[in-house]
């Protein structure tokens, strides 16, 4: 139940995040790129987990290895928020917000 909830939220949020970051003109391309990038680990993950299960005898190592990269990514994103934006980024953000109205 929890996995389905979080997976559904993840897929549902790709569109709004892509629109917010890339604007209306680049949102379609950004969504396609994000889904293409998601397809790589989603395709490779199950066979790798099966291989790990065959070698170790349980799925604990596979789950730990699958959970580690998202935790690292979340940590990096939290650290990035601590750094102030450059002047160029502020100007671009102001311009981008003006295009959405």
C-alpha atoms as a PDB file:
ATOM      1  CA  UNK A   1       0.000   0.000   0.000  1.00  0.00           C
ATOM      2  CA  UNK A   2       2.739   2.469   0.974  1.00  0.00           C
ATOM      3  CA  UNK A   3       4.867   1.591  -2.070  1.00  0.00           C
ATOM      4  CA  UNK A   4       1.896   2.183  -4.383  1.00  0.00           C
ATOM      5  CA  UNK A   5       1.121   5.500  -2.741  1.00  0.00           C
ATOM      6  CA  UNK A   6       4.647   6.853  -3.053  1.00  0.00           C
ATOM      7  CA  UNK A   7       5.110   5.479  -6.566  1.00  0.00           C
ATOM      8  CA  UNK A   8       1.882   7.133  -7.661  1.00  0.00           C
ATOM      9  CA  UNK A   9       2.886  10.447  -6.109  1.00  0.00           C
ATOM     10  CA  UNK A  10       6.291  10.278  -7.796  1.00  0.00           C
ATOM     11  CA  UNK A  11       4.858   9.697 -11.270  1.00  0.00           C
ATOM     12  CA  UNK A  12       2.110  12.263 -10.722  1.00  0.00           C
ATOM     13  CA  UNK A  13       4.589  14.982  -9.727  1.00  0.00           C
ATOM     14  CA  UNK A  14       6.837  14.630 -12.799  1.00  0.00           C
ATOM     15  CA  UNK A  15       4.588  16.871 -14.911  1.00  0.00           C
ATOM     16  CA  UNK A  16       4.197  19.793 -12.503  1.00  0.00           C
ATOM     17  CA  UNK A  17       7.888  19.752 -11.555  1.00  0.00           C
ATOM     18  CA  UNK A  18       8.961  19.713 -15.204  1.00  0.00           C
ATOM     19  CA  UNK A  19       6.530  22.548 -16.000  1.00  0.00           C
ATOM     20  CA  UNK A  20       7.765  24.606 -13.056  1.00  0.00           C
ATOM     21  CA  UNK A  21      11.436  24.152 -13.910  1.00  0.00           C
ATOM     22  CA  UNK A  22      11.310  24.314 -17.729  1.00  0.00           C
ATOM     23  CA  UNK A  23       8.220  26.410 -18.370  1.00  0.00           C
ATOM     24  CA  UNK A  24       5.381  25.610 -20.758  1.00  0.00           C
ATOM     25  CA  UNK A  25       7.552  25.370 -23.881  1.00  0.00           C
ATOM     26  CA  UNK A  26      10.062  22.892 -22.459  1.00  0.00           C
ATOM     27  CA  UNK A  27       7.769  20.863 -20.192  1.00  0.00           C
ATOM     28  CA  UNK A  28       6.964  18.169 -22.762  1.00  0.00           C
ATOM     29  CA  UNK A  29      10.599  17.539 -23.553  1.00  0.00           C
ATOM     30  CA  UNK A  30      11.501  17.561 -19.852  1.00  0.00           C
ATOM     31  CA  UNK A  31       8.785  15.020 -19.017  1.00  0.00           C
ATOM     32  CA  UNK A  32       9.996  12.767 -21.815  1.00  0.00           C
ATOM     33  CA  UNK A  33      13.576  13.053 -20.627  1.00  0.00           C
ATOM     34  CA  UNK A  34      12.627  12.314 -17.010  1.00  0.00           C
ATOM     35  CA  UNK A  35      10.575   9.274 -17.982  1.00  0.00           C
ATOM     36  CA  UNK A  36      13.389   8.026 -20.219  1.00  0.00           C
ATOM     37  CA  UNK A  37      15.878   8.405 -17.397  1.00  0.00           C
ATOM     38  CA  UNK A  38      13.503   6.584 -15.010  1.00  0.00           C
ATOM     39  CA  UNK A  39      13.126   3.702 -17.439  1.00  0.00           C
ATOM     40  CA  UNK A  40      16.800   2.747 -17.180  1.00  0.00           C
ATOM     41  CA  UNK A  41      16.864   1.766 -13.485  1.00  0.00           C
ATOM     42  CA  UNK A  42      13.304   0.459 -13.660  1.00  0.00           C
ATOM     43  CA  UNK A  43      14.389  -1.923 -16.430  1.00  0.00           C
ATOM     44  CA  UNK A  44      17.748  -2.943 -14.985  1.00  0.00           C
ATOM     45  CA  UNK A  45      16.706  -3.106 -11.307  1.00  0.00           C
ATOM     46  CA  UNK A  46      14.664  -6.322 -11.217  1.00  0.00           C
ATOM     47  CA  UNK A  47      17.282  -8.520 -12.935  1.00  0.00           C
ATOM     48  CA  UNK A  48      20.013  -7.079 -10.689  1.00  0.00           C
ATOM     49  CA  UNK A  49      17.856  -7.714  -7.602  1.00  0.00           C
ATOM     50  CA  UNK A  50      17.302 -11.278  -8.794  1.00  0.00           C
ATOM     51  CA  UNK A  51      21.034 -11.747  -9.293  1.00  0.00           C
ATOM     52  CA  UNK A  52      21.722 -10.438  -5.783  1.00  0.00           C
ATOM     53  CA  UNK A  53      19.035 -12.762  -4.399  1.00  0.00           C
ATOM     54  CA  UNK A  54      20.616 -15.734  -6.186  1.00  0.00           C
ATOM     55  CA  UNK A  55      24.026 -14.913  -4.684  1.00  0.00           C
ATOM     56  CA  UNK A  56      22.980 -13.888  -1.151  1.00  0.00           C
ATOM     57  CA  UNK A  57      19.744 -15.822  -0.603  1.00  0.00           C
ATOM     58  CA  UNK A  58      17.525 -12.925   0.481  1.00  0.00           C
ATOM     59  CA  UNK A  59      16.407  -9.529  -0.765  1.00  0.00           C
ATOM     60  CA  UNK A  60      17.824  -7.453   2.109  1.00  0.00           C
ATOM     61  CA  UNK A  61      20.972  -6.431   0.222  1.00  0.00           C
ATOM     62  CA  UNK A  62      18.950  -5.622  -2.910  1.00  0.00           C
ATOM     63  CA  UNK A  63      16.553  -3.395  -0.965  1.00  0.00           C
ATOM     64  CA  UNK A  64      19.402  -1.637   0.814  1.00  0.00           C
ATOM     65  CA  UNK A  65      21.238  -1.032  -2.457  1.00  0.00           C
ATOM     66  CA  UNK A  66      18.025   0.222  -4.096  1.00  0.00           C
ATOM     67  CA  UNK A  67      17.283   2.614  -1.228  1.00  0.00           C
ATOM     68  CA  UNK A  68      20.742   4.126  -0.938  1.00  0.00           C
ATOM     69  CA  UNK A  69      20.812   6.289  -4.140  1.00  0.00           C
ATOM     70  CA  UNK A  70      17.501   8.077  -3.403  1.00  0.00           C
ATOM     71  CA  UNK A  71      18.705   8.878   0.107  1.00  0.00           C
ATOM     72  CA  UNK A  72      21.970  10.292  -1.262  1.00  0.00           C
ATOM     73  CA  UNK A  73      20.033  12.317  -3.857  1.00  0.00           C
ATOM     74  CA  UNK A  74      17.688  13.706  -1.209  1.00  0.00           C
ATOM     75  CA  UNK A  75      20.662  14.643   0.946  1.00  0.00           C
ATOM     76  CA  UNK A  76      22.370  16.422  -1.941  1.00  0.00           C
ATOM     77  CA  UNK A  77      19.175  18.323  -2.747  1.00  0.00           C
ATOM     78  CA  UNK A  78      18.882  19.418   0.898  1.00  0.00           C
ATOM     79  CA  UNK A  79      22.489  20.670   0.852  1.00  0.00           C
ATOM     80  CA  UNK A  80      21.933  22.546  -2.421  1.00  0.00           C
ATOM     81  CA  UNK A  81      19.089  24.491  -0.792  1.00  0.00           C
ATOM     82  CA  UNK A  82      21.581  25.846   1.785  1.00  0.00           C
ATOM     83  CA  UNK A  83      23.589  27.695  -0.861  1.00  0.00           C
ATOM     84  CA  UNK A  84      22.305  31.069  -2.060  1.00  0.00           C
ATOM     85  CA  UNK A  85      21.336  31.438  -5.689  1.00  0.00           C
ATOM     86  CA  UNK A  86      23.618  33.393  -8.002  1.00  0.00           C
ATOM     87  CA  UNK A  87      22.462  36.696  -9.440  1.00  0.00           C
ATOM     88  CA  UNK A  88      21.990  35.073 -12.867  1.00  0.00           C
ATOM     89  CA  UNK A  89      19.742  32.405 -11.375  1.00  0.00           C
ATOM     90  CA  UNK A  90      17.632  35.034  -9.620  1.00  0.00           C
ATOM     91  CA  UNK A  91      17.179  36.981 -12.875  1.00  0.00           C
ATOM     92  CA  UNK A  92      16.265  33.787 -14.759  1.00  0.00           C
ATOM     93  CA  UNK A  93      13.771  32.786 -12.045  1.00  0.00           C
ATOM     94  CA  UNK A  94      12.142  36.219 -12.215  1.00  0.00           C
ATOM     95  CA  UNK A  95      11.916  35.973 -16.009  1.00  0.00           C
ATOM     96  CA  UNK A  96      10.540  32.430 -15.797  1.00  0.00           C
ATOM     97  CA  UNK A  97       7.847  33.430 -13.284  1.00  0.00           C
ATOM     98  CA  UNK A  98       6.837  36.319 -15.518  1.00  0.00           C
ATOM     99  CA  UNK A  99       6.238  33.911 -18.445  1.00  0.00           C
ATOM    100  CA  UNK A 100       3.846  31.758 -16.400  1.00  0.00           C
ATOM    101  CA  UNK A 101       1.334  34.528 -15.742  1.00  0.00           C
END
